[in-house]
Amino acid sequence: MPWPHIQLSTDPAAFPARPPADLSDPAVIAAHDQAAFDAVETMVDHWDRPGWTAQTRAY
């Protein structure tokens, strides 16, 4: 059975929101991911969560 085993769809909560056009071609996947990162205008500290402290983090 070829990859993917399920049909992937757009999810606005995911990053990147759209899956690559071809999940079998590493160059397509890399270009897709690079384009998504290039489109990011700002990044936030993902550890900065309301109510979290330094002791809340688990590694």
N, C-alpha and C. Protein backbone atom coordinates (compact mmCIF):
# COMPACT_ATOMS: atom_id res chain seq x y z
N MET A 1 0.85 -1.18 0.00
CA MET A 1 0.00 0.00 0.00
C MET A 1 0.89 1.24 0.00
N PRO A 2 0.72 2.15 -0.95
CA PRO A 2 1.58 3.34 -1.01
C PRO A 2 1.30 4.31 0.15
N TRP A 3 2.30 5.07 0.47
CA TRP A 3 2.17 6.11 1.50
C TRP A 3 1.46 7.30 0.91
N PRO A 4 0.58 8.04 1.54
CA PRO A 4 0.09 7.78 2.89
C PRO A 4 -1.04 6.75 2.87
N HIS A 5 -1.22 6.12 3.99
CA HIS A 5 -2.29 5.13 4.12
C HIS A 5 -3.63 5.80 4.35
N ILE A 6 -3.60 7.07 4.72
CA ILE A 6 -4.81 7.85 4.90
C ILE A 6 -4.70 9.11 4.07
N GLN A 7 -5.81 9.69 3.74
CA GLN A 7 -5.81 10.95 2.99
C GLN A 7 -5.56 12.10 3.97
N LEU A 8 -4.50 12.85 3.76
CA LEU A 8 -4.22 14.00 4.62
C LEU A 8 -4.97 15.21 4.10
N SER A 9 -5.39 16.07 5.01
CA SER A 9 -6.14 17.26 4.62
C SER A 9 -5.59 18.48 5.34
N THR A 10 -6.04 19.64 4.93
CA THR A 10 -5.63 20.89 5.54
C THR A 10 -6.17 20.98 6.96
N ASP A 11 -5.32 21.41 7.89
CA ASP A 11 -5.72 21.60 9.28
C ASP A 11 -5.14 22.94 9.73
N PRO A 12 -5.97 23.96 9.93
CA PRO A 12 -5.45 25.28 10.29
C PRO A 12 -4.72 25.31 11.63
N ALA A 13 -4.91 24.29 12.46
CA ALA A 13 -4.22 24.24 13.75
C ALA A 13 -2.84 23.61 13.64
N ALA A 14 -2.53 23.02 12.50
CA ALA A 14 -1.24 22.35 12.31
C ALA A 14 -0.23 23.29 11.67
N PHE A 15 1.04 22.93 11.78
CA PHE A 15 2.08 23.67 11.08
C PHE A 15 2.95 22.70 10.32
N PRO A 16 3.07 22.89 9.05
CA PRO A 16 2.27 23.75 8.19
C PRO A 16 0.85 23.23 8.05
N ALA A 17 -0.06 24.12 7.74
CA ALA A 17 -1.49 23.77 7.71
C ALA A 17 -1.83 22.77 6.60
N ARG A 18 -1.12 22.85 5.48
CA ARG A 18 -1.36 21.92 4.36
C ARG A 18 -0.24 20.91 4.29
N PRO A 19 -0.56 19.65 4.03
CA PRO A 19 0.52 18.67 3.82
C PRO A 19 1.20 18.89 2.48
N PRO A 20 2.41 18.40 2.31
CA PRO A 20 3.09 18.52 1.01
C PRO A 20 2.30 17.80 -0.08
N ALA A 21 2.49 18.22 -1.31
CA ALA A 21 1.78 17.62 -2.44
C ALA A 21 2.20 16.17 -2.66
N ASP A 22 3.44 15.84 -2.34
CA ASP A 22 3.94 14.48 -2.55
C ASP A 22 4.68 14.05 -1.29
N LEU A 23 4.13 13.05 -0.59
CA LEU A 23 4.74 12.59 0.65
C LEU A 23 5.82 11.54 0.43
N SER A 24 6.11 11.23 -0.81
CA SER A 24 7.13 10.25 -1.13
C SER A 24 8.43 10.88 -1.61
N ASP A 25 8.40 12.14 -1.94
CA ASP A 25 9.56 12.81 -2.52
C ASP A 25 10.21 13.72 -1.47
N PRO A 26 11.39 13.34 -0.96
CA PRO A 26 12.05 14.15 0.06
C PRO A 26 12.28 15.60 -0.36
N ALA A 27 12.57 15.85 -1.63
CA ALA A 27 12.81 17.22 -2.09
C ALA A 27 11.53 18.04 -2.02
N VAL A 28 10.41 17.45 -2.36
CA VAL A 28 9.12 18.16 -2.28
C VAL A 28 8.79 18.46 -0.82
N ILE A 29 9.02 17.49 0.05
CA ILE A 29 8.74 17.68 1.48
C ILE A 29 9.64 18.78 2.05
N ALA A 30 10.93 18.75 1.73
CA ALA A 30 11.86 19.76 2.24
C ALA A 30 11.50 21.15 1.73
N ALA A 31 11.17 21.27 0.45
CA ALA A 31 10.80 22.56 -0.12
C ALA A 31 9.51 23.08 0.51
N HIS A 32 8.57 22.19 0.74
CA HIS A 32 7.30 22.56 1.37
C HIS A 32 7.54 23.08 2.79
N ASP A 33 8.35 22.35 3.57
CA ASP A 33 8.64 22.78 4.93
C ASP A 33 9.41 24.10 4.94
N GLN A 34 10.38 24.25 4.05
CA GLN A 34 11.15 25.48 4.00
C GLN A 34 10.26 26.66 3.66
N ALA A 35 9.34 26.48 2.72
CA ALA A 35 8.42 27.55 2.35
C ALA A 35 7.53 27.93 3.54
N ALA A 36 7.11 26.94 4.31
CA ALA A 36 6.28 27.24 5.48
C ALA A 36 7.07 28.04 6.50
N PHE A 37 8.32 27.65 6.77
CA PHE A 37 9.14 28.41 7.72
C PHE A 37 9.47 29.80 7.19
N ASP A 38 9.69 29.93 5.89
CA ASP A 38 9.97 31.24 5.30
C ASP A 38 8.78 32.19 5.45
N ALA A 39 7.58 31.65 5.52
CA ALA A 39 6.38 32.47 5.63
C ALA A 39 6.11 32.94 7.06
N VAL A 40 6.82 32.38 8.03
CA VAL A 40 6.63 32.77 9.43
C VAL A 40 7.21 34.17 9.64
N GLU A 41 6.36 35.07 10.11
CA GLU A 41 6.82 36.45 10.33
C GLU A 41 7.33 36.66 11.76
N THR A 42 6.73 36.03 12.73
CA THR A 42 7.18 36.15 14.11
C THR A 42 7.06 34.79 14.79
N MET A 43 7.89 34.59 15.77
CA MET A 43 7.82 33.38 16.57
C MET A 43 7.72 33.78 18.03
N VAL A 44 7.02 32.97 18.80
CA VAL A 44 6.89 33.23 20.23
C VAL A 44 7.60 32.13 20.99
N ASP A 45 7.86 32.40 22.23
CA ASP A 45 8.48 31.40 23.09
C ASP A 45 7.42 30.35 23.44
N HIS A 46 7.56 29.15 22.88
CA HIS A 46 6.54 28.13 23.12
C HIS A 46 6.52 27.64 24.56
N TRP A 47 7.52 27.97 25.35
CA TRP A 47 7.51 27.61 26.76
C TRP A 47 6.71 28.62 27.58
N ASP A 48 6.42 29.77 27.02
CA ASP A 48 5.71 30.82 27.74
C ASP A 48 4.21 30.53 27.72
N ARG A 49 3.76 29.73 28.66
CA ARG A 49 2.36 29.33 28.75
C ARG A 49 1.76 29.92 30.01
N PRO A 50 0.51 30.40 29.95
CA PRO A 50 -0.13 30.93 31.16
C PRO A 50 -0.15 29.88 32.27
N GLY A 51 0.32 30.27 33.44
CA GLY A 51 0.31 29.38 34.59
C GLY A 51 1.50 28.44 34.68
N TRP A 52 2.32 28.38 33.65
CA TRP A 52 3.49 27.49 33.71
C TRP A 52 4.63 28.19 34.42
N THR A 53 5.41 27.41 35.13
CA THR A 53 6.63 27.91 35.75
C THR A 53 7.78 27.05 35.23
N ALA A 54 8.98 27.43 35.62
CA ALA A 54 10.15 26.64 35.22
C ALA A 54 10.03 25.20 35.72
N GLN A 55 9.36 25.01 36.85
CA GLN A 55 9.20 23.67 37.41
C GLN A 55 8.12 22.85 36.68
N THR A 56 7.30 23.49 35.86
CA THR A 56 6.23 22.80 35.16
C THR A 56 6.77 22.01 33.98
N ARG A 57 7.86 22.43 33.43
CA ARG A 57 8.40 21.81 32.23
C ARG A 57 8.94 20.41 32.52
N ALA A 58 8.65 19.50 31.62
CA ALA A 58 9.19 18.14 31.72
C ALA A 58 9.96 17.83 30.45
N TYR A 59 11.11 17.26 30.60
CA TYR A 59 11.96 16.96 29.46
C TYR A 59 12.06 15.47 29.28
